[in-house]
């Protein structure tokens, strides 16, 4: 997982590897928690380097989506890798979460939530 990048009013967090409930998922979750405790209310997750996601990873993403929304914040998901896009389509997460083709598209759009 690379570092967080500022991008306009949104922070951009690139995620890499597998979100399958292991150490990578814990590292990601810790970083998002840290950002939220620092007052970041608008976050774009760049998922272009995520190789795979399972139900544990989906649970973490949905949990953070709800957590930000409950604090009047926003998480957007951008650059879904082909495998992640497939899982999002099968589970219909792409209809519930704010999903965009690119970080730039996410920055320019209004949130669904």
Protein backbone atom coordinates (compact mmCIF):
# COMPACT_ATOMS: atom_id res chain seq x y z
CA UNK A 1 0.00 0.00 0.00
CA UNK A 2 1.46 3.34 -1.04
CA UNK A 3 1.10 6.59 0.83
CA UNK A 4 -1.87 8.88 0.94
CA UNK A 5 -1.98 11.66 -1.62
CA UNK A 6 -3.83 14.94 -1.31
CA UNK A 7 -5.98 15.69 -4.30
CA UNK A 8 -8.19 18.75 -4.15
CA UNK A 9 -10.72 18.33 -1.39
CA UNK A 10 -10.26 14.53 -1.33
CA UNK A 11 -7.45 12.44 0.09
CA UNK A 12 -6.50 9.58 -2.25
CA UNK A 13 -5.40 6.29 -0.71
CA UNK A 14 -3.94 3.74 -3.16
CA UNK A 15 -4.62 0.15 -2.06
CA UNK A 16 -2.65 -2.82 -3.36
CA UNK A 17 -2.43 -6.57 -2.89
CA UNK A 18 -5.31 -8.71 -1.70
CA UNK A 19 -8.16 -7.64 0.57
CA UNK A 20 -8.89 -11.04 2.04
CA UNK A 21 -8.87 -10.47 5.79
CA UNK A 22 -5.13 -10.91 6.30
CA UNK A 23 -2.35 -8.45 7.14
CA UNK A 24 -2.93 -6.34 4.02
CA UNK A 25 -6.56 -5.81 5.02
CA UNK A 26 -5.50 -4.92 8.57
CA UNK A 27 -2.92 -2.45 7.27
CA UNK A 28 -5.53 -0.83 5.04
CA UNK A 29 -8.07 -0.66 7.83
CA UNK A 30 -5.54 0.89 10.22
CA UNK A 31 -4.62 3.54 7.67
CA UNK A 32 -8.26 4.48 7.03
CA UNK A 33 -8.89 4.62 10.78
CA UNK A 34 -5.88 6.90 11.20
CA UNK A 35 -7.09 9.21 8.44
CA UNK A 36 -10.58 9.35 9.91
CA UNK A 37 -9.24 10.16 13.39
CA UNK A 38 -7.15 12.97 11.81
CA UNK A 39 -10.37 14.50 10.51
CA UNK A 40 -10.26 13.37 6.89
CA UNK A 41 -13.88 13.32 5.77
CA UNK A 42 -13.48 12.85 2.02
CA UNK A 43 -11.50 9.85 0.82
CA UNK A 44 -11.00 8.18 -2.54
CA UNK A 45 -9.74 4.60 -2.48
CA UNK A 46 -7.74 3.79 -5.61
CA UNK A 47 -8.27 0.05 -6.06
CA UNK A 48 -6.33 -0.35 -9.33
CA UNK A 49 -3.61 -2.49 -7.71
CA UNK A 50 -5.93 -4.75 -5.70
CA UNK A 51 -5.44 -8.27 -7.03
CA UNK A 52 -8.39 -9.89 -5.29
CA UNK A 53 -11.09 -9.28 -2.71
CA UNK A 54 -13.22 -11.73 -0.74
CA UNK A 55 -16.10 -11.36 1.70
CA UNK A 56 -13.80 -10.21 4.50
CA UNK A 57 -12.41 -7.45 2.30
CA UNK A 58 -15.90 -6.48 1.15
CA UNK A 59 -16.95 -6.28 4.80
CA UNK A 60 -14.11 -3.89 5.56
CA UNK A 61 -14.93 -1.64 2.58
CA UNK A 62 -18.63 -1.53 3.41
CA UNK A 63 -17.83 -0.92 7.08
CA UNK A 64 -15.69 2.10 6.23
CA UNK A 65 -18.28 3.37 3.75
CA UNK A 66 -20.90 3.31 6.51
CA UNK A 67 -18.51 4.78 9.08
CA UNK A 68 -17.68 7.76 6.88
CA UNK A 69 -21.32 8.28 5.93
CA UNK A 70 -22.36 8.21 9.60
CA UNK A 71 -19.88 11.04 10.22
CA UNK A 72 -21.20 13.02 7.23
CA UNK A 73 -18.12 12.03 5.23
CA UNK A 74 -17.61 10.32 1.89
CA UNK A 75 -15.60 7.39 0.60
CA UNK A 76 -15.44 6.86 -3.13
CA UNK A 77 -13.96 3.83 -4.90
CA UNK A 78 -11.97 4.40 -8.08
CA UNK A 79 -9.95 2.46 -10.65
CA UNK A 80 -11.34 -0.96 -9.76
CA UNK A 81 -9.07 -3.71 -11.00
CA UNK A 82 -10.81 -6.24 -13.27
CA UNK A 83 -11.15 -8.84 -10.47
CA UNK A 84 -12.52 -6.29 -8.00
CA UNK A 85 -14.91 -4.89 -10.62
CA UNK A 86 -16.22 -8.41 -11.23
CA UNK A 87 -16.84 -9.01 -7.52
CA UNK A 88 -18.51 -5.59 -7.17
CA UNK A 89 -20.80 -6.40 -10.14
CA UNK A 90 -21.71 -9.87 -8.87
CA UNK A 91 -22.50 -8.56 -5.38
CA UNK A 92 -24.17 -5.40 -6.76
CA UNK A 93 -21.86 -3.26 -4.62
CA UNK A 94 -21.36 -1.06 -7.67
CA UNK A 95 -24.99 0.04 -7.26
CA UNK A 96 -24.66 0.85 -3.55
CA UNK A 97 -21.15 2.27 -3.18
CA UNK A 98 -19.76 5.32 -4.97
CA UNK A 99 -17.73 3.64 -7.75
CA UNK A 100 -15.88 5.54 -10.50
CA UNK A 101 -13.66 4.64 -13.45
CA UNK A 102 -10.86 6.96 -12.33
CA UNK A 103 -9.70 9.10 -9.43
CA UNK A 104 -10.35 12.15 -11.59
CA UNK A 105 -13.95 11.09 -12.25
CA UNK A 106 -14.47 10.50 -8.52
CA UNK A 107 -13.13 13.96 -7.69
CA UNK A 108 -15.46 15.67 -10.15
CA UNK A 109 -18.64 13.79 -9.24
CA UNK A 110 -21.23 14.25 -6.56
CA UNK A 111 -21.63 11.37 -4.14
CA UNK A 112 -24.49 8.91 -4.49
CA UNK A 113 -24.90 8.72 -0.72
